[in-house]
Structures are given as C-alpha cells and as structure tokens.
Amino acid sequence: MFGIGVPELLVILVVALLVLGPQRLPEVAKALGKALAEFRRATSDLSEELGNAKIMLEEEVRQAERKTHTAQPQAIPPATVSATPQEKQEKKETPSRESQ
C-alpha cells in the first residue's frame, strides 16, 4: 500500500495527533474512513459497469461473426464435384451449341 511501512505510519499518526488534537482526530479519521469506503464503492461500481460493457461487446462481436459465417455460402471445390455415369452419357449425347 503506497510503500508506507509501520514506522512511517506511526510518524503520520503522531503528527496528525499533534496537529488536530485528541478531540478532533477521531472525527477526522471517521470522515476519512467514510470517504475511502465511498471511493471504493464507486470504483467497484465503475469496474463492474466496464466489465458488463465488455461482455456485451464480446457478445455482439460473436453474433456478427455468426451472421457473416451463415451469410457466406460454402462453395464446393470443383475437384470434389463429379458427375454420375448417367450425367456423363447425357453430356456426350447432347450436341453443344458451338457445333450447331
């Protein structure tokens, strides 16, 4: 935590006690504790909101990828398409337009 060790913390507390006095020090410590708690709550709410936004964006990206994959027809490579013997025979029997 900020590189403050026990000796430094004791010095800070003694100086605060001398500056603020024994009457006012508990009030200031309580106010400081409340402020820190509110700051932590606000930062955790913000990080939670950012996490939710990240999850929503990732879901939108997945949906967009699914749409692009389903929209593009899968072409069959020509090497894998073969005509049946009957189709080959019909192709030989019908004259092409160029020969007419």
PDB file of N, CA and C in Angstrom:
ATOM      1  N   MET A   1       0.842  -1.187   0.000  1.00  0.00           N
ATOM      2  CA  MET A   1       0.000   0.000   0.000  1.00  0.00           C
ATOM      3  C   MET A   1       0.880   1.240   0.000  1.00  0.00           C
ATOM      4  N   PHE A   2       1.118   1.882  -1.078  1.00  0.00           N
ATOM      5  CA  PHE A   2       1.849   3.146  -1.231  1.00  0.00           C
ATOM      6  C   PHE A   2       3.261   3.105  -0.677  1.00  0.00           C
ATOM      7  N   GLY A   3       3.788   1.957  -0.320  1.00  0.00           N
ATOM      8  CA  GLY A   3       5.141   1.861   0.197  1.00  0.00           C
ATOM      9  C   GLY A   3       5.299   2.431   1.594  1.00  0.00           C
ATOM     10  N   ILE A   4       4.204   2.510   2.363  1.00  0.00           N
ATOM     11  CA  ILE A   4       4.280   3.040   3.729  1.00  0.00           C
ATOM     12  C   ILE A   4       4.386   1.867   4.688  1.00  0.00           C
ATOM     13  N   GLY A   5       5.437   1.870   5.471  1.00  0.00           N
ATOM     14  CA  GLY A   5       5.630   0.821   6.459  1.00  0.00           C
ATOM     15  C   GLY A   5       5.071   1.234   7.811  1.00  0.00           C
ATOM     16  N   VAL A   6       5.277   0.400   8.805  1.00  0.00           N
ATOM     17  CA  VAL A   6       4.773   0.673  10.159  1.00  0.00           C
ATOM     18  C   VAL A   6       5.422   1.919  10.761  1.00  0.00           C
ATOM     19  N   PRO A   7       6.748   2.099  10.639  1.00  0.00           N
ATOM     20  CA  PRO A   7       7.352   3.314  11.234  1.00  0.00           C
ATOM     21  C   PRO A   7       6.815   4.603  10.607  1.00  0.00           C
ATOM     22  N   GLU A   8       6.641   4.608   9.298  1.00  0.00           N
ATOM     23  CA  GLU A   8       6.124   5.804   8.641  1.00  0.00           C
ATOM     24  C   GLU A   8       4.690   6.089   9.060  1.00  0.00           C
ATOM     25  N   LEU A   9       3.895   5.025   9.204  1.00  0.00           N
ATOM     26  CA  LEU A   9       2.505   5.178   9.618  1.00  0.00           C
ATOM     27  C   LEU A   9       2.414   5.749  11.034  1.00  0.00           C
ATOM     28  N   LEU A  10       3.288   5.282  11.926  1.00  0.00           N
ATOM     29  CA  LEU A  10       3.303   5.823  13.288  1.00  0.00           C
ATOM     30  C   LEU A  10       3.663   7.303  13.302  1.00  0.00           C
ATOM     31  N   VAL A  11       4.621   7.707  12.495  1.00  0.00           N
ATOM     32  CA  VAL A  11       5.004   9.121  12.419  1.00  0.00           C
ATOM     33  C   VAL A  11       3.828   9.953  11.915  1.00  0.00           C
ATOM     34  N   ILE A  12       3.121   9.476  10.906  1.00  0.00           N
ATOM     35  CA  ILE A  12       1.960  10.201  10.371  1.00  0.00           C
ATOM     36  C   ILE A  12       0.885  10.339  11.445  1.00  0.00           C
ATOM     37  N   LEU A  13       0.627   9.280  12.206  1.00  0.00           N
ATOM     38  CA  LEU A  13      -0.392   9.335  13.262  1.00  0.00           C
ATOM     39  C   LEU A  13      -0.005  10.307  14.383  1.00  0.00           C
ATOM     40  N   VAL A  14       1.258  10.322  14.763  1.00  0.00           N
ATOM     41  CA  VAL A  14       1.717  11.242  15.808  1.00  0.00           C
ATOM     42  C   VAL A  14       1.592  12.679  15.336  1.00  0.00           C
ATOM     43  N   VAL A  15       1.989  12.959  14.105  1.00  0.00           N
ATOM     44  CA  VAL A  15       1.868  14.317  13.568  1.00  0.00           C
ATOM     45  C   VAL A  15       0.400  14.714  13.492  1.00  0.00           C
ATOM     46  N   ALA A  16      -0.474  13.819  13.039  1.00  0.00           N
ATOM     47  CA  ALA A  16      -1.900  14.121  12.970  1.00  0.00           C
ATOM     48  C   ALA A  16      -2.466  14.393  14.357  1.00  0.00           C
ATOM     49  N   LEU A  17      -2.021  13.634  15.356  1.00  0.00           N
ATOM     50  CA  LEU A  17      -2.489  13.845  16.725  1.00  0.00           C
ATOM     51  C   LEU A  17      -2.056  15.212  17.241  1.00  0.00           C
ATOM     52  N   LEU A  18      -0.809  15.603  16.931  1.00  0.00           N
ATOM     53  CA  LEU A  18      -0.315  16.913  17.370  1.00  0.00           C
ATOM     54  C   LEU A  18      -1.020  18.056  16.655  1.00  0.00           C
ATOM     55  N   VAL A  19      -1.286  17.897  15.364  1.00  0.00           N
ATOM     56  CA  VAL A  19      -1.909  18.976  14.587  1.00  0.00           C
ATOM     57  C   VAL A  19      -3.399  19.092  14.903  1.00  0.00           C
ATOM     58  N   LEU A  20      -4.095  17.973  14.926  1.00  0.00           N
ATOM     59  CA  LEU A  20      -5.546  18.005  15.094  1.00  0.00           C
ATOM     60  C   LEU A  20      -5.979  17.962  16.550  1.00  0.00           C
ATOM     61  N   GLY A  21      -5.211  17.372  17.391  1.00  0.00           N
ATOM     62  CA  GLY A  21      -5.580  17.267  18.802  1.00  0.00           C
ATOM     63  C   GLY A  21      -6.380  16.007  19.053  1.00  0.00           C
ATOM     64  N   PRO A  22      -6.441  15.589  20.328  1.00  0.00           N
ATOM     65  CA  PRO A  22      -7.135  14.351  20.663  1.00  0.00           C
ATOM     66  C   PRO A  22      -8.662  14.440  20.495  1.00  0.00           C
ATOM     67  N   GLN A  23      -9.223  15.633  20.554  1.00  0.00           N
ATOM     68  CA  GLN A  23     -10.668  15.785  20.415  1.00  0.00           C
ATOM     69  C   GLN A  23     -11.126  15.600  18.965  1.00  0.00           C
ATOM     70  N   ARG A  24     -10.372  16.174  18.058  1.00  0.00           N
ATOM     71  CA  ARG A  24     -10.799  16.227  16.658  1.00  0.00           C
ATOM     72  C   ARG A  24     -10.288  15.047  15.827  1.00  0.00           C
ATOM     73  N   LEU A  25      -9.261  14.371  16.240  1.00  0.00           N
ATOM     74  CA  LEU A  25      -8.657  13.274  15.478  1.00  0.00           C
ATOM     75  C   LEU A  25      -9.648  12.139  15.185  1.00  0.00           C
ATOM     76  N   PRO A  26     -10.459  11.678  16.147  1.00  0.00           N
ATOM     77  CA  PRO A  26     -11.422  10.610  15.819  1.00  0.00           C
ATOM     78  C   PRO A  26     -12.457  11.031  14.774  1.00  0.00           C
ATOM     79  N   GLU A  27     -12.887  12.287  14.819  1.00  0.00           N
ATOM     80  CA  GLU A  27     -13.860  12.786  13.830  1.00  0.00           C
ATOM     81  C   GLU A  27     -13.255  12.774  12.424  1.00  0.00           C
ATOM     82  N   VAL A  28     -12.008  13.230  12.323  1.00  0.00           N
ATOM     83  CA  VAL A  28     -11.331  13.272  11.024  1.00  0.00           C
ATOM     84  C   VAL A  28     -11.087  11.857  10.508  1.00  0.00           C
ATOM     85  N   ALA A  29     -10.700  10.948  11.399  1.00  0.00           N
ATOM     86  CA  ALA A  29     -10.453   9.560  10.994  1.00  0.00           C
ATOM     87  C   ALA A  29     -11.747   8.913  10.498  1.00  0.00           C
ATOM     88  N   LYS A  30     -12.855   9.193  11.184  1.00  0.00           N
ATOM     89  CA  LYS A  30     -14.149   8.637  10.776  1.00  0.00           C
ATOM     90  C   LYS A  30     -14.563   9.190   9.415  1.00  0.00           C
ATOM     91  N   ALA A  31     -14.394  10.476   9.206  1.00  0.00           N
ATOM     92  CA  ALA A  31     -14.745  11.091   7.918  1.00  0.00           C
ATOM     93  C   ALA A  31     -13.851  10.545   6.801  1.00  0.00           C
ATOM     94  N   LEU A  32     -12.578  10.360   7.115  1.00  0.00           N
ATOM     95  CA  LEU A  32     -11.655   9.817   6.127  1.00  0.00           C
ATOM     96  C   LEU A  32     -12.024   8.374   5.777  1.00  0.00           C
ATOM     97  N   GLY A  33     -12.404   7.589   6.774  1.00  0.00           N
ATOM     98  CA  GLY A  33     -12.831   6.207   6.538  1.00  0.00           C
ATOM     99  C   GLY A  33     -14.078   6.142   5.660  1.00  0.00           C
ATOM    100  N   LYS A  34     -15.047   7.029   5.931  1.00  0.00           N
ATOM    101  CA  LYS A  34     -16.266   7.067   5.111  1.00  0.00           C
ATOM    102  C   LYS A  34     -15.940   7.461   3.671  1.00  0.00           C
ATOM    103  N   ALA A  35     -15.043   8.434   3.515  1.00  0.00           N
ATOM    104  CA  ALA A  35     -14.670   8.881   2.175  1.00  0.00           C
ATOM    105  C   ALA A  35     -13.980   7.755   1.402  1.00  0.00           C
ATOM    106  N   LEU A  36     -13.097   7.030   2.065  1.00  0.00           N
ATOM    107  CA  LEU A  36     -12.411   5.913   1.406  1.00  0.00           C
ATOM    108  C   LEU A  36     -13.382   4.797   1.043  1.00  0.00           C
ATOM    109  N   ALA A  37     -14.343   4.525   1.938  1.00  0.00           N
ATOM    110  CA  ALA A  37     -15.342   3.487   1.650  1.00  0.00           C
ATOM    111  C   ALA A  37     -16.195   3.891   0.441  1.00  0.00           C
ATOM    112  N   GLU A  38     -16.587   5.139   0.371  1.00  0.00           N
ATOM    113  CA  GLU A  38     -17.383   5.618  -0.767  1.00  0.00           C
ATOM    114  C   GLU A  38     -16.569   5.565  -2.058  1.00  0.00           C
ATOM    115  N   PHE A  39     -15.290   5.905  -1.965  1.00  0.00           N
ATOM    116  CA  PHE A  39     -14.421   5.840  -3.136  1.00  0.00           C
ATOM    117  C   PHE A  39     -14.291   4.404  -3.636  1.00  0.00           C
ATOM    118  N   ARG A  40     -14.121   3.458  -2.713  1.00  0.00           N
ATOM    119  CA  ARG A  40     -14.030   2.042  -3.100  1.00  0.00           C
ATOM    120  C   ARG A  40     -15.322   1.563  -3.739  1.00  0.00           C
ATOM    121  N   ARG A  41     -16.462   1.972  -3.176  1.00  0.00           N
ATOM    122  CA  ARG A  41     -17.750   1.583  -3.738  1.00  0.00           C
ATOM    123  C   ARG A  41     -17.905   2.127  -5.159  1.00  0.00           C
ATOM    124  N   ALA A  42     -17.523   3.378  -5.338  1.00  0.00           N
ATOM    125  CA  ALA A  42     -17.651   3.995  -6.664  1.00  0.00           C
ATOM    126  C   ALA A  42     -16.731   3.306  -7.675  1.00  0.00           C
ATOM    127  N   THR A  43     -15.507   3.003  -7.274  1.00  0.00           N
ATOM    128  CA  THR A  43     -14.592   2.355  -8.214  1.00  0.00           C
ATOM    129  C   THR A  43     -15.037   0.931  -8.529  1.00  0.00           C
ATOM    130  N   SER A  44     -15.589   0.223  -7.541  1.00  0.00           N
ATOM    131  CA  SER A  44     -16.065  -1.135  -7.823  1.00  0.00           C
ATOM    132  C   SER A  44     -17.288  -1.101  -8.732  1.00  0.00           C
ATOM    133  N   ASP A  45     -18.180  -0.115  -8.539  1.00  0.00           N
ATOM    134  CA  ASP A  45     -19.329   0.029  -9.435  1.00  0.00           C
ATOM    135  C   ASP A  45     -18.874   0.338 -10.858  1.00  0.00           C
ATOM    136  N   LEU A  46     -17.878   1.203 -10.970  1.00  0.00           N
ATOM    137  CA  LEU A  46     -17.364   1.557 -12.291  1.00  0.00           C
ATOM    138  C   LEU A  46     -16.709   0.363 -12.966  1.00  0.00           C
ATOM    139  N   SER A  47     -15.912  -0.387 -12.225  1.00  0.00           N
ATOM    140  CA  SER A  47     -15.257  -1.552 -12.834  1.00  0.00           C
ATOM    141  C   SER A  47     -16.288  -2.618 -13.205  1.00  0.00           C
ATOM    142  N   GLU A  48     -17.346  -2.767 -12.411  1.00  0.00           N
ATOM    143  CA  GLU A  48     -18.410  -3.709 -12.745  1.00  0.00           C
ATOM    144  C   GLU A  48     -19.130  -3.275 -14.018  1.00  0.00           C
ATOM    145  N   GLU A  49     -19.394  -1.988 -14.140  1.00  0.00           N
ATOM    146  CA  GLU A  49     -20.059  -1.468 -15.333  1.00  0.00           C
ATOM    147  C   GLU A  49     -19.186  -1.671 -16.578  1.00  0.00           C
ATOM    148  N   LEU A  50     -17.886  -1.435 -16.439  1.00  0.00           N
ATOM    149  CA  LEU A  50     -16.974  -1.656 -17.568  1.00  0.00           C
ATOM    150  C   LEU A  50     -16.910  -3.132 -17.935  1.00  0.00           C
ATOM    151  N   GLY A  51     -16.935  -4.008 -16.947  1.00  0.00           N
ATOM    152  CA  GLY A  51     -16.942  -5.446 -17.208  1.00  0.00           C
ATOM    153  C   GLY A  51     -18.198  -5.866 -17.956  1.00  0.00           C
ATOM    154  N   ASN A  52     -19.353  -5.315 -17.548  1.00  0.00           N
ATOM    155  CA  ASN A  52     -20.611  -5.623 -18.237  1.00  0.00           C
ATOM    156  C   ASN A  52     -20.587  -5.127 -19.679  1.00  0.00           C
ATOM    157  N   ALA A  53     -20.032  -3.921 -19.887  1.00  0.00           N
ATOM    158  CA  ALA A  53     -19.935  -3.381 -21.242  1.00  0.00           C
ATOM    159  C   ALA A  53     -19.020  -4.257 -22.105  1.00  0.00           C
ATOM    160  N   LYS A  54     -17.931  -4.747 -21.529  1.00  0.00           N
ATOM    161  CA  LYS A  54     -17.012  -5.619 -22.267  1.00  0.00           C
ATOM    162  C   LYS A  54     -17.713  -6.911 -22.673  1.00  0.00           C
ATOM    163  N   ILE A  55     -18.475  -7.491 -21.750  1.00  0.00           N
ATOM    164  CA  ILE A  55     -19.202  -8.730 -22.047  1.00  0.00           C
ATOM    165  C   ILE A  55     -20.217  -8.501 -23.156  1.00  0.00           C
ATOM    166  N   MET A  56     -20.928  -7.367 -23.112  1.00  0.00           N
ATOM    167  CA  MET A  56     -21.922  -7.067 -24.145  1.00  0.00           C
ATOM    168  C   MET A  56     -21.256  -6.892 -25.513  1.00  0.00           C
ATOM    169  N   LEU A  57     -20.116  -6.209 -25.544  1.00  0.00           N
ATOM    170  CA  LEU A  57     -19.404  -6.014 -26.808  1.00  0.00           C
ATOM    171  C   LEU A  57     -18.904  -7.342 -27.368  1.00  0.00           C
ATOM    172  N   GLU A  58     -18.389  -8.196 -26.508  1.00  0.00           N
ATOM    173  CA  GLU A  58     -17.914  -9.505 -26.971  1.00  0.00           C
ATOM    174  C   GLU A  58     -19.066 -10.328 -27.536  1.00  0.00           C
ATOM    175  N   GLU A  59     -20.240 -10.241 -26.914  1.00  0.00           N
ATOM    176  CA  GLU A  59     -21.407 -10.974 -27.413  1.00  0.00           C
ATOM    177  C   GLU A  59     -21.850 -10.431 -28.773  1.00  0.00           C
ATOM    178  N   GLU A  60     -21.806  -9.101 -28.937  1.00  0.00           N
ATOM    179  CA  GLU A  60     -22.156  -8.520 -30.233  1.00  0.00           C
ATOM    180  C   GLU A  60     -21.179  -8.963 -31.317  1.00  0.00           C
ATOM    181  N   VAL A  61     -19.910  -9.045 -30.982  1.00  0.00           N
ATOM    182  CA  VAL A  61     -18.904  -9.498 -31.948  1.00  0.00           C
ATOM    183  C   VAL A  61     -19.184 -10.943 -32.347  1.00  0.00           C
ATOM    184  N   ARG A  62     -19.501 -11.797 -31.364  1.00  0.00           N
ATOM    185  CA  ARG A  62     -19.815 -13.196 -31.671  1.00  0.00           C
ATOM    186  C   ARG A  62     -21.033 -13.302 -32.585  1.00  0.00           C
ATOM    187  N   GLN A  63     -22.071 -12.495 -32.311  1.00  0.00           N
ATOM    188  CA  GLN A  63     -23.269 -12.539 -33.141  1.00  0.00           C
ATOM    189  C   GLN A  63     -22.958 -12.069 -34.557  1.00  0.00           C
ATOM    190  N   ALA A  64     -22.140 -11.030 -34.686  1.00  0.00           N
ATOM    191  CA  ALA A  64     -21.771 -10.538 -36.011  1.00  0.00           C
ATOM    192  C   ALA A  64     -20.967 -11.592 -36.767  1.00  0.00           C
ATOM    193  N   GLU A  65     -20.076 -12.283 -36.074  1.00  0.00           N
ATOM    194  CA  GLU A  65     -19.292 -13.333 -36.725  1.00  0.00           C
ATOM    195  C   GLU A  65     -20.196 -14.477 -37.172  1.00  0.00           C
ATOM    196  N   ARG A  66     -21.171 -14.832 -36.350  1.00  0.00           N
ATOM    197  CA  ARG A  66     -22.109 -15.885 -36.745  1.00  0.00           C
ATOM    198  C   ARG A  66     -22.891 -15.485 -37.984  1.00  0.00           C
ATOM    199  N   LYS A  67     -23.322 -14.222 -38.043  1.00  0.00           N
ATOM    200  CA  LYS A  67     -24.087 -13.749 -39.198  1.00  0.00           C
ATOM    201  C   LYS A  67     -23.244 -13.789 -40.466  1.00  0.00           C
ATOM    202  N   THR A  68     -21.982 -13.403 -40.369  1.00  0.00           N
ATOM    203  CA  THR A  68     -21.135 -13.412 -41.565  1.00  0.00           C
ATOM    204  C   THR A  68     -20.844 -14.838 -42.008  1.00  0.00           C
ATOM    205  N   HIS A  69     -20.695 -15.756 -41.064  1.00  0.00           N
ATOM    206  CA  HIS A  69     -20.438 -17.156 -41.435  1.00  0.00           C
ATOM    207  C   HIS A  69     -21.665 -17.789 -42.073  1.00  0.00           C
ATOM    208  N   THR A  70     -22.851 -17.464 -41.597  1.00  0.00           N
ATOM    209  CA  THR A  70     -24.060 -18.048 -42.176  1.00  0.00           C
ATOM    210  C   THR A  70     -24.456 -17.351 -43.462  1.00  0.00           C
ATOM    211  N   ALA A  71     -24.070 -16.103 -43.652  1.00  0.00           N
ATOM    212  CA  ALA A  71     -24.431 -15.366 -44.864  1.00  0.00           C
ATOM    213  C   ALA A  71     -23.580 -15.794 -46.057  1.00  0.00           C
ATOM    214  N   GLN A  72     -22.357 -16.211 -45.835  1.00  0.00           N
ATOM    215  CA  GLN A  72     -21.478 -16.620 -46.920  1.00  0.00           C
ATOM    216  C   GLN A  72     -21.731 -18.089 -47.244  1.00  0.00           C
ATOM    217  N   PRO A  73     -22.169 -18.381 -48.491  1.00  0.00           N
ATOM    218  CA  PRO A  73     -22.392 -19.786 -48.843  1.00  0.00           C
ATOM    219  C   PRO A  73     -21.049 -20.510 -48.954  1.00  0.00           C
ATOM    220  N   GLN A  74     -21.046 -21.725 -48.534  1.00  0.00           N
ATOM    221  CA  GLN A  74     -19.834 -22.528 -48.604  1.00  0.00           C
ATOM    222  C   GLN A  74     -19.724 -23.128 -50.001  1.00  0.00           C
ATOM    223  N   ALA A  75     -18.709 -22.715 -50.749  1.00  0.00           N
ATOM    224  CA  ALA A  75     -18.506 -23.202 -52.110  1.00  0.00           C
ATOM    225  C   ALA A  75     -17.848 -24.577 -52.065  1.00  0.00           C
ATOM    226  N   ILE A  76     -18.304 -25.459 -52.932  1.00  0.00           N
ATOM    227  CA  ILE A  76     -17.716 -26.793 -53.027  1.00  0.00           C
ATOM    228  C   ILE A  76     -16.590 -26.713 -54.043  1.00  0.00           C
ATOM    229  N   PRO A  77     -15.421 -27.140 -53.692  1.00  0.00           N
ATOM    230  CA  PRO A  77     -14.308 -27.082 -54.642  1.00  0.00           C
ATOM    231  C   PRO A  77     -14.612 -27.929 -55.878  1.00  0.00           C
ATOM    232  N   PRO A  78     -14.225 -27.453 -57.077  1.00  0.00           N
ATOM    233  CA  PRO A  78     -14.545 -28.171 -58.303  1.00  0.00           C
ATOM    234  C   PRO A  78     -13.945 -29.573 -58.354  1.00  0.00           C
ATOM    235  N   ALA A  79     -12.841 -29.798 -57.706  1.00  0.00           N
ATOM    236  CA  ALA A  79     -12.204 -31.110 -57.764  1.00  0.00           C
ATOM    237  C   ALA A  79     -13.051 -32.172 -57.077  1.00  0.00           C
ATOM    238  N   THR A  80     -13.871 -31.787 -56.144  1.00  0.00           N
ATOM    239  CA  THR A  80     -14.664 -32.767 -55.408  1.00  0.00           C
ATOM    240  C   THR A  80     -15.993 -33.073 -56.085  1.00  0.00           C
ATOM    241  N   VAL A  81     -16.408 -32.227 -57.051  1.00  0.00           N
ATOM    242  CA  VAL A  81     -17.681 -32.453 -57.734  1.00  0.00           C
ATOM    243  C   VAL A  81     -17.433 -33.429 -58.883  1.00  0.00           C
ATOM    244  N   SER A  82     -18.164 -34.521 -58.920  1.00  0.00           N
ATOM    245  CA  SER A  82     -18.016 -35.482 -60.010  1.00  0.00           C
ATOM    246  C   SER A  82     -19.397 -35.810 -60.557  1.00  0.00           C
ATOM    247  N   ALA A  83     -19.426 -35.986 -61.840  1.00  0.00           N
ATOM    248  CA  ALA A  83     -20.694 -36.318 -62.490  1.00  0.00           C
ATOM    249  C   ALA A  83     -20.934 -37.814 -62.399  1.00  0.00           C
ATOM    250  N   THR A  84     -22.190 -38.154 -62.323  1.00  0.00           N
ATOM    251  CA  THR A  84     -22.548 -39.576 -62.310  1.00  0.00           C
ATOM    252  C   THR A  84     -22.376 -40.131 -63.718  1.00  0.00           C
ATOM    253  N   PRO A  85     -22.252 -41.435 -63.871  1.00  0.00           N
ATOM    254  CA  PRO A  85     -22.110 -42.014 -65.222  1.00  0.00           C
ATOM    255  C   PRO A  85     -23.265 -41.622 -66.140  1.00  0.00           C
ATOM    256  N   GLN A  86     -24.466 -41.509 -65.595  1.00  0.00           N
ATOM    257  CA  GLN A  86     -25.618 -41.137 -66.421  1.00  0.00           C
ATOM    258  C   GLN A  86     -25.463 -39.699 -66.917  1.00  0.00           C
ATOM    259  N   GLU A  87     -25.005 -38.780 -66.060  1.00  0.00           N
ATOM    260  CA  GLU A  87     -24.801 -37.390 -66.475  1.00  0.00           C
ATOM    261  C   GLU A  87     -23.716 -37.303 -67.542  1.00  0.00           C
ATOM    262  N   LYS A  88     -22.660 -38.103 -67.415  1.00  0.00           N
ATOM    263  CA  LYS A  88     -21.596 -38.103 -68.419  1.00  0.00           C
ATOM    264  C   LYS A  88     -22.140 -38.566 -69.773  1.00  0.00           C
ATOM    265  N   GLN A  89     -22.978 -39.581 -69.762  1.00  0.00           N
ATOM    266  CA  GLN A  89     -23.557 -40.111 -71.001  1.00  0.00           C
ATOM    267  C   GLN A  89     -24.456 -39.064 -71.651  1.00  0.00           C
ATOM    268  N   GLU A  90     -25.293 -38.372 -70.872  1.00  0.00           N
ATOM    269  CA  GLU A  90     -26.184 -37.345 -71.405  1.00  0.00           C
ATOM    270  C   GLU A  90     -25.386 -36.204 -72.006  1.00  0.00           C
ATOM    271  N   LYS A  91     -24.267 -35.863 -71.375  1.00  0.00           N
ATOM    272  CA  LYS A  91     -23.436 -34.782 -71.876  1.00  0.00           C
ATOM    273  C   LYS A  91     -22.832 -35.147 -73.230  1.00  0.00           C
ATOM    274  N   LYS A  92     -22.462 -36.418 -73.432  1.00  0.00           N
ATOM    275  CA  LYS A  92     -21.899 -36.864 -74.706  1.00  0.00           C
ATOM    276  C   LYS A  92     -22.964 -36.877 -75.795  1.00  0.00           C
ATOM    277  N   GLU A  93     -24.189 -37.231 -75.441  1.00  0.00           N
ATOM    278  CA  GLU A  93     -25.253 -37.359 -76.434  1.00  0.00           C
ATOM    279  C   GLU A  93     -25.789 -36.012 -76.888  1.00  0.00           C
ATOM    280  N   THR A  94     -25.817 -35.011 -76.027  1.00  0.00           N
ATOM    281  CA  THR A  94     -26.368 -33.719 -76.430  1.00  0.00           C
ATOM    282  C   THR A  94     -25.270 -32.900 -77.090  1.00  0.00           C
ATOM    283  N   PRO A  95     -25.534 -32.409 -78.301  1.00  0.00           N
ATOM    284  CA  PRO A  95     -24.523 -31.608 -79.000  1.00  0.00           C
ATOM    285  C   PRO A  95     -24.424 -30.224 -78.350  1.00  0.00           C
ATOM    286  N   SER A  96     -23.259 -29.683 -78.404  1.00  0.00           N
ATOM    287  CA  SER A  96     -23.062 -28.351 -77.816  1.00  0.00           C
ATOM    288  C   SER A  96     -23.547 -27.302 -78.791  1.00  0.00           C
ATOM    289  N   ARG A  97     -23.749 -26.106 -78.341  1.00  0.00           N
ATOM    290  CA  ARG A  97     -24.251 -25.012 -79.174  1.00  0.00           C
ATOM    291  C   ARG A  97     -23.200 -24.580 -80.189  1.00  0.00           C
ATOM    292  N   GLU A  98     -21.960 -24.748 -79.901  1.00  0.00           N
ATOM    293  CA  GLU A  98     -20.904 -24.322 -80.809  1.00  0.00           C
ATOM    294  C   GLU A  98     -20.873 -25.180 -82.065  1.00  0.00           C
ATOM    295  N   SER A  99     -21.207 -26.410 -81.935  1.00  0.00           N
ATOM    296  CA  SER A  99     -21.132 -27.298 -83.112  1.00  0.00           C
ATOM    297  C   SER A  99     -22.331 -27.129 -84.012  1.00  0.00           C
ATOM    298  N   GLN A 100     -23.399 -26.483 -83.593  1.00  0.00           N
ATOM    299  CA  GLN A 100     -24.589 -26.302 -84.423  1.00  0.00           C
ATOM    300  C   GLN A 100     -24.470 -25.193 -85.389  1.00  0.00           C
TER     301      GLN A 100
END
